[in-house]
Amino acid sequence: MSRIITHEKCDCCKKEYKNFYISFGHPDHDITWKWKCDKCWYINERLIKVWKVPDDLGWINLKDLEEG
């Protein structure tokens, strides 16, 4: 499933970053995302784990809605 981050905080100086959007798409393996704080220059790391998509999400076919 898609992984999206919209808020972060530096592990070292605790500066908060808000109002941004990063999408990691649909990774098929775990990813280590590294980013540098623009205040203290600390390199932060986050593990972006894979979220498996269930086989049956219960999607509704739009054609079925039109017929019903």
PDB file of N, CA and C in Angstrom:
ATOM      1  N   MET A   1       0.836  -1.174   0.000  1.00  0.00           N
ATOM      2  CA  MET A   1       0.000   0.000   0.000  1.00  0.00           C
ATOM      3  C   MET A   1       0.882   1.238   0.000  1.00  0.00           C
ATOM      4  N   SER A   2       0.349   2.336  -0.431  1.00  0.00           N
ATOM      5  CA  SER A   2       1.104   3.579  -0.523  1.00  0.00           C
ATOM      6  C   SER A   2       1.496   4.085   0.861  1.00  0.00           C
ATOM      7  N   ARG A   3       2.718   4.599   0.967  1.00  0.00           N
ATOM      8  CA  ARG A   3       3.210   5.163   2.229  1.00  0.00           C
ATOM      9  C   ARG A   3       3.399   6.658   2.051  1.00  0.00           C
ATOM     10  N   ILE A   4       2.777   7.459   2.911  1.00  0.00           N
ATOM     11  CA  ILE A   4       2.819   8.915   2.813  1.00  0.00           C
ATOM     12  C   ILE A   4       3.231   9.495   4.163  1.00  0.00           C
ATOM     13  N   ILE A   5       4.125  10.487   4.131  1.00  0.00           N
ATOM     14  CA  ILE A   5       4.563  11.180   5.344  1.00  0.00           C
ATOM     15  C   ILE A   5       4.253  12.666   5.179  1.00  0.00           C
ATOM     16  N   THR A   6       3.635  13.262   6.196  1.00  0.00           N
ATOM     17  CA  THR A   6       3.286  14.686   6.139  1.00  0.00           C
ATOM     18  C   THR A   6       3.790  15.469   7.350  1.00  0.00           C
ATOM     19  N   HIS A   7       4.466  14.808   8.290  1.00  0.00           N
ATOM     20  CA  HIS A   7       4.963  15.470   9.496  1.00  0.00           C
ATOM     21  C   HIS A   7       6.192  14.708   9.980  1.00  0.00           C
ATOM     22  N   GLU A   8       7.231  15.432  10.386  1.00  0.00           N
ATOM     23  CA  GLU A   8       8.439  14.808  10.932  1.00  0.00           C
ATOM     24  C   GLU A   8       9.023  15.681  12.022  1.00  0.00           C
ATOM     25  N   LYS A   9       9.864  15.075  12.858  1.00  0.00           N
ATOM     26  CA  LYS A   9      10.569  15.792  13.910  1.00  0.00           C
ATOM     27  C   LYS A   9      11.995  15.252  13.967  1.00  0.00           C
ATOM     28  N   CYS A  10      12.973  16.160  14.044  1.00  0.00           N
ATOM     29  CA  CYS A  10      14.374  15.770  14.116  1.00  0.00           C
ATOM     30  C   CYS A  10      14.628  15.020  15.423  1.00  0.00           C
ATOM     31  N   ASP A  11      15.337  13.912  15.341  1.00  0.00           N
ATOM     32  CA  ASP A  11      15.646  13.119  16.527  1.00  0.00           C
ATOM     33  C   ASP A  11      16.641  13.816  17.450  1.00  0.00           C
ATOM     34  N   CYS A  12      17.424  14.731  16.924  1.00  0.00           N
ATOM     35  CA  CYS A  12      18.463  15.401  17.705  1.00  0.00           C
ATOM     36  C   CYS A  12      17.970  16.703  18.341  1.00  0.00           C
ATOM     37  N   CYS A  13      17.559  17.668  17.541  1.00  0.00           N
ATOM     38  CA  CYS A  13      17.178  18.992  18.065  1.00  0.00           C
ATOM     39  C   CYS A  13      15.673  19.157  18.243  1.00  0.00           C
ATOM     40  N   LYS A  14      14.894  18.175  17.782  1.00  0.00           N
ATOM     41  CA  LYS A  14      13.425  18.169  17.925  1.00  0.00           C
ATOM     42  C   LYS A  14      12.703  19.207  17.074  1.00  0.00           C
ATOM     43  N   LYS A  15      13.388  19.786  16.080  1.00  0.00           N
ATOM     44  CA  LYS A  15      12.706  20.716  15.177  1.00  0.00           C
ATOM     45  C   LYS A  15      11.616  19.958  14.426  1.00  0.00           C
ATOM     46  N   GLU A  16      10.442  20.577  14.342  1.00  0.00           N
ATOM     47  CA  GLU A  16       9.325  19.942  13.659  1.00  0.00           C
ATOM     48  C   GLU A  16       9.188  20.457  12.237  1.00  0.00           C
ATOM     49  N   TYR A  17       8.849  19.547  11.351  1.00  0.00           N
ATOM     50  CA  TYR A  17       8.581  19.863   9.949  1.00  0.00           C
ATOM     51  C   TYR A  17       7.137  19.470   9.671  1.00  0.00           C
ATOM     52  N   LYS A  18       6.345  20.438   9.228  1.00  0.00           N
ATOM     53  CA  LYS A  18       4.928  20.204   8.950  1.00  0.00           C
ATOM     54  C   LYS A  18       4.603  20.711   7.553  1.00  0.00           C
ATOM     55  N   ASN A  19       3.410  20.375   7.099  1.00  0.00           N
ATOM     56  CA  ASN A  19       2.885  20.871   5.821  1.00  0.00           C
ATOM     57  C   ASN A  19       3.756  20.488   4.633  1.00  0.00           C
ATOM     58  N   PHE A  20       4.203  19.252   4.604  1.00  0.00           N
ATOM     59  CA  PHE A  20       4.882  18.727   3.426  1.00  0.00           C
ATOM     60  C   PHE A  20       4.287  17.359   3.114  1.00  0.00           C
ATOM     61  N   TYR A  21       4.604  16.836   1.949  1.00  0.00           N
ATOM     62  CA  TYR A  21       4.007  15.586   1.495  1.00  0.00           C
ATOM     63  C   TYR A  21       5.073  14.779   0.773  1.00  0.00           C
ATOM     64  N   ILE A  22       5.353  13.598   1.297  1.00  0.00           N
ATOM     65  CA  ILE A  22       6.286  12.691   0.628  1.00  0.00           C
ATOM     66  C   ILE A  22       5.576  11.357   0.463  1.00  0.00           C
ATOM     67  N   SER A  23       5.525  10.872  -0.758  1.00  0.00           N
ATOM     68  CA  SER A  23       4.918   9.579  -1.029  1.00  0.00           C
ATOM     69  C   SER A  23       6.001   8.601  -1.457  1.00  0.00           C
ATOM     70  N   PHE A  24       5.985   7.430  -0.855  1.00  0.00           N
ATOM     71  CA  PHE A  24       6.932   6.382  -1.204  1.00  0.00           C
ATOM     72  C   PHE A  24       6.308   5.368  -2.152  1.00  0.00           C
ATOM     73  N   GLY A  25       5.135   5.685  -2.661  1.00  0.00           N
ATOM     74  CA  GLY A  25       4.479   4.793  -3.608  1.00  0.00           C
ATOM     75  C   GLY A  25       4.093   3.480  -2.950  1.00  0.00           C
ATOM     76  N   HIS A  26       4.290   2.397  -3.658  1.00  0.00           N
ATOM     77  CA  HIS A  26       3.943   1.062  -3.180  1.00  0.00           C
ATOM     78  C   HIS A  26       5.215   0.216  -3.148  1.00  0.00           C
ATOM     79  N   PRO A  27       6.101   0.435  -2.162  1.00  0.00           N
ATOM     80  CA  PRO A  27       7.369  -0.297  -2.150  1.00  0.00           C
ATOM     81  C   PRO A  27       7.150  -1.798  -1.966  1.00  0.00           C
ATOM     82  N   ASP A  28       7.972  -2.603  -2.645  1.00  0.00           N
ATOM     83  CA  ASP A  28       7.868  -4.050  -2.496  1.00  0.00           C
ATOM     84  C   ASP A  28       8.875  -4.586  -1.484  1.00  0.00           C
ATOM     85  N   HIS A  29       9.677  -3.693  -0.889  1.00  0.00           N
ATOM     86  CA  HIS A  29      10.601  -4.078   0.183  1.00  0.00           C
ATOM     87  C   HIS A  29      10.771  -2.891   1.139  1.00  0.00           C
ATOM     88  N   ASP A  30      11.233  -3.168   2.352  1.00  0.00           N
ATOM     89  CA  ASP A  30      11.447  -2.104   3.331  1.00  0.00           C
ATOM     90  C   ASP A  30      12.496  -1.120   2.818  1.00  0.00           C
ATOM     91  N   ILE A  31      12.308   0.167   3.133  1.00  0.00           N
ATOM     92  CA  ILE A  31      13.205   1.235   2.683  1.00  0.00           C
ATOM     93  C   ILE A  31      13.663   2.024   3.907  1.00  0.00           C
ATOM     94  N   THR A  32      14.942   2.386   3.955  1.00  0.00           N
ATOM     95  CA  THR A  32      15.422   3.305   4.982  1.00  0.00           C
ATOM     96  C   THR A  32      15.505   4.683   4.352  1.00  0.00           C
ATOM     97  N   TRP A  33      14.667   5.590   4.838  1.00  0.00           N
ATOM     98  CA  TRP A  33      14.617   6.961   4.338  1.00  0.00           C
ATOM     99  C   TRP A  33      15.497   7.820   5.230  1.00  0.00           C
ATOM    100  N   LYS A  34      16.456   8.518   4.639  1.00  0.00           N
ATOM    101  CA  LYS A  34      17.355   9.393   5.383  1.00  0.00           C
ATOM    102  C   LYS A  34      17.092  10.837   4.983  1.00  0.00           C
ATOM    103  N   TRP A  35      17.064  11.728   5.978  1.00  0.00           N
ATOM    104  CA  TRP A  35      16.881  13.149   5.702  1.00  0.00           C
ATOM    105  C   TRP A  35      17.691  13.960   6.702  1.00  0.00           C
ATOM    106  N   LYS A  36      18.181  15.111   6.234  1.00  0.00           N
ATOM    107  CA  LYS A  36      19.047  15.964   7.043  1.00  0.00           C
ATOM    108  C   LYS A  36      18.260  17.161   7.574  1.00  0.00           C
ATOM    109  N   CYS A  37      18.377  17.387   8.880  1.00  0.00           N
ATOM    110  CA  CYS A  37      17.737  18.538   9.511  1.00  0.00           C
ATOM    111  C   CYS A  37      18.449  19.808   9.050  1.00  0.00           C
ATOM    112  N   ASP A  38      17.677  20.822   8.670  1.00  0.00           N
ATOM    113  CA  ASP A  38      18.305  22.063   8.206  1.00  0.00           C
ATOM    114  C   ASP A  38      18.693  22.988   9.362  1.00  0.00           C
ATOM    115  N   LYS A  39      18.414  22.574  10.600  1.00  0.00           N
ATOM    116  CA  LYS A  39      18.814  23.365  11.770  1.00  0.00           C
ATOM    117  C   LYS A  39      20.132  22.855  12.373  1.00  0.00           C
ATOM    118  N   CYS A  40      20.202  21.560  12.669  1.00  0.00           N
ATOM    119  CA  CYS A  40      21.390  21.008  13.338  1.00  0.00           C
ATOM    120  C   CYS A  40      22.216  20.089  12.434  1.00  0.00           C
ATOM    121  N   TRP A  41      21.742  19.813  11.229  1.00  0.00           N
ATOM    122  CA  TRP A  41      22.410  18.983  10.221  1.00  0.00           C
ATOM    123  C   TRP A  41      22.499  17.502  10.595  1.00  0.00           C
ATOM    124  N   TYR A  42      21.721  17.085  11.564  1.00  0.00           N
ATOM    125  CA  TYR A  42      21.686  15.679  11.956  1.00  0.00           C
ATOM    126  C   TYR A  42      21.019  14.861  10.846  1.00  0.00           C
ATOM    127  N   ILE A  43      21.551  13.680  10.575  1.00  0.00           N
ATOM    128  CA  ILE A  43      20.954  12.780   9.583  1.00  0.00           C
ATOM    129  C   ILE A  43      19.956  11.874  10.306  1.00  0.00           C
ATOM    130  N   ASN A  44      18.693  12.065  10.020  1.00  0.00           N
ATOM    131  CA  ASN A  44      17.627  11.251  10.600  1.00  0.00           C
ATOM    132  C   ASN A  44      17.350  10.069   9.680  1.00  0.00           C
ATOM    133  N   GLU A  45      16.960   8.948  10.265  1.00  0.00           N
ATOM    134  CA  GLU A  45      16.614   7.760   9.485  1.00  0.00           C
ATOM    135  C   GLU A  45      15.255   7.240   9.923  1.00  0.00           C
ATOM    136  N   ARG A  46      14.461   6.857   8.949  1.00  0.00           N
ATOM    137  CA  ARG A  46      13.159   6.253   9.209  1.00  0.00           C
ATOM    138  C   ARG A  46      13.046   4.980   8.381  1.00  0.00           C
ATOM    139  N   LEU A  47      12.577   3.919   9.023  1.00  0.00           N
ATOM    140  CA  LEU A  47      12.331   2.676   8.311  1.00  0.00           C
ATOM    141  C   LEU A  47      10.911   2.714   7.757  1.00  0.00           C
ATOM    142  N   ILE A  48      10.807   2.659   6.451  1.00  0.00           N
ATOM    143  CA  ILE A  48       9.511   2.619   5.771  1.00  0.00           C
ATOM    144  C   ILE A  48       9.232   1.153   5.464  1.00  0.00           C
ATOM    145  N   LYS A  49       8.350   0.564   6.256  1.00  0.00           N
ATOM    146  CA  LYS A  49       8.063  -0.859   6.103  1.00  0.00           C
ATOM    147  C   LYS A  49       6.992  -1.080   5.039  1.00  0.00           C
ATOM    148  N   VAL A  50       7.116  -2.195   4.385  1.00  0.00           N
ATOM    149  CA  VAL A  50       6.135  -2.583   3.369  1.00  0.00           C
ATOM    150  C   VAL A  50       4.809  -2.896   4.055  1.00  0.00           C
ATOM    151  N   TRP A  51       3.734  -2.390   3.489  1.00  0.00           N
ATOM    152  CA  TRP A  51       2.394  -2.774   3.917  1.00  0.00           C
ATOM    153  C   TRP A  51       1.832  -3.653   2.816  1.00  0.00           C
ATOM    154  N   LYS A  52       1.581  -4.892   3.152  1.00  0.00           N
ATOM    155  CA  LYS A  52       1.039  -5.822   2.167  1.00  0.00           C
ATOM    156  C   LYS A  52      -0.415  -5.466   1.865  1.00  0.00           C
ATOM    157  N   VAL A  53      -0.760  -5.524   0.617  1.00  0.00           N
ATOM    158  CA  VAL A  53      -2.140  -5.287   0.194  1.00  0.00           C
ATOM    159  C   VAL A  53      -2.899  -6.601   0.339  1.00  0.00           C
ATOM    160  N   PRO A  54      -3.983  -6.612   1.113  1.00  0.00           N
ATOM    161  CA  PRO A  54      -4.772  -7.842   1.246  1.00  0.00           C
ATOM    162  C   PRO A  54      -5.307  -8.291  -0.110  1.00  0.00           C
ATOM    163  N   ASP A  55      -5.500  -9.592  -0.251  1.00  0.00           N
ATOM    164  CA  ASP A  55      -6.000 -10.136  -1.518  1.00  0.00           C
ATOM    165  C   ASP A  55      -7.393  -9.611  -1.848  1.00  0.00           C
ATOM    166  N   ASP A  56      -8.240  -9.489  -0.838  1.00  0.00           N
ATOM    167  CA  ASP A  56      -9.607  -9.029  -1.085  1.00  0.00           C
ATOM    168  C   ASP A  56      -9.873  -7.776  -0.251  1.00  0.00           C
ATOM    169  N   LEU A  57      -9.868  -6.629  -0.890  1.00  0.00           N
ATOM    170  CA  LEU A  57     -10.132  -5.377  -0.191  1.00  0.00           C
ATOM    171  C   LEU A  57     -11.615  -5.024  -0.189  1.00  0.00           C
ATOM    172  N   GLY A  58     -12.422  -5.844  -0.839  1.00  0.00           N
ATOM    173  CA  GLY A  58     -13.847  -5.567  -0.887  1.00  0.00           C
ATOM    174  C   GLY A  58     -14.196  -4.418  -1.810  1.00  0.00           C
ATOM    175  N   TRP A  59     -13.467  -4.297  -2.925  1.00  0.00           N
ATOM    176  CA  TRP A  59     -13.736  -3.216  -3.873  1.00  0.00           C
ATOM    177  C   TRP A  59     -15.136  -3.362  -4.447  1.00  0.00           C
ATOM    178  N   ILE A  60     -15.769  -2.246  -4.737  1.00  0.00           N
ATOM    179  CA  ILE A  60     -17.093  -2.240  -5.356  1.00  0.00           C
ATOM    180  C   ILE A  60     -16.926  -1.893  -6.828  1.00  0.00           C
ATOM    181  N   ASN A  61     -17.507  -2.691  -7.674  1.00  0.00           N
ATOM    182  CA  ASN A  61     -17.473  -2.438  -9.101  1.00  0.00           C
ATOM    183  C   ASN A  61     -18.502  -1.351  -9.418  1.00  0.00           C
ATOM    184  N   LEU A  62     -18.064  -0.260 -10.029  1.00  0.00           N
ATOM    185  CA  LEU A  62     -18.976   0.849 -10.338  1.00  0.00           C
ATOM    186  C   LEU A  62     -20.116   0.411 -11.249  1.00  0.00           C
ATOM    187  N   LYS A  63     -19.855  -0.556 -12.116  1.00  0.00           N
ATOM    188  CA  LYS A  63     -20.906  -1.064 -13.001  1.00  0.00           C
ATOM    189  C   LYS A  63     -22.043  -1.668 -12.172  1.00  0.00           C
ATOM    190  N   ASP A  64     -21.690  -2.366 -11.076  1.00  0.00           N
ATOM    191  CA  ASP A  64     -22.712  -2.963 -10.212  1.00  0.00           C
ATOM    192  C   ASP A  64     -23.568  -1.894  -9.544  1.00  0.00           C
ATOM    193  N   LEU A  65     -22.986  -0.749  -9.209  1.00  0.00           N
ATOM    194  CA  LEU A  65     -23.751   0.334  -8.591  1.00  0.00           C
ATOM    195  C   LEU A  65     -24.767   0.917  -9.558  1.00  0.00           C
ATOM    196  N   GLU A  66     -24.374   1.034 -10.831  1.00  0.00           N
ATOM    197  CA  GLU A  66     -25.273   1.601 -11.835  1.00  0.00           C
ATOM    198  C   GLU A  66     -26.467   0.694 -12.086  1.00  0.00           C
ATOM    199  N   GLU A  67     -26.245  -0.622 -12.011  1.00  0.00           N
ATOM    200  CA  GLU A  67     -27.326  -1.571 -12.268  1.00  0.00           C
ATOM    201  C   GLU A  67     -28.275  -1.680 -11.081  1.00  0.00           C
ATOM    202  N   GLY A  68     -27.772  -1.411  -9.852  1.00  0.00           N
ATOM    203  CA  GLY A  68     -28.584  -1.598  -8.636  1.00  0.00           C
ATOM    204  C   GLY A  68     -29.354  -0.406  -8.341  1.00  0.00           C
TER     205      GLY A  68
END
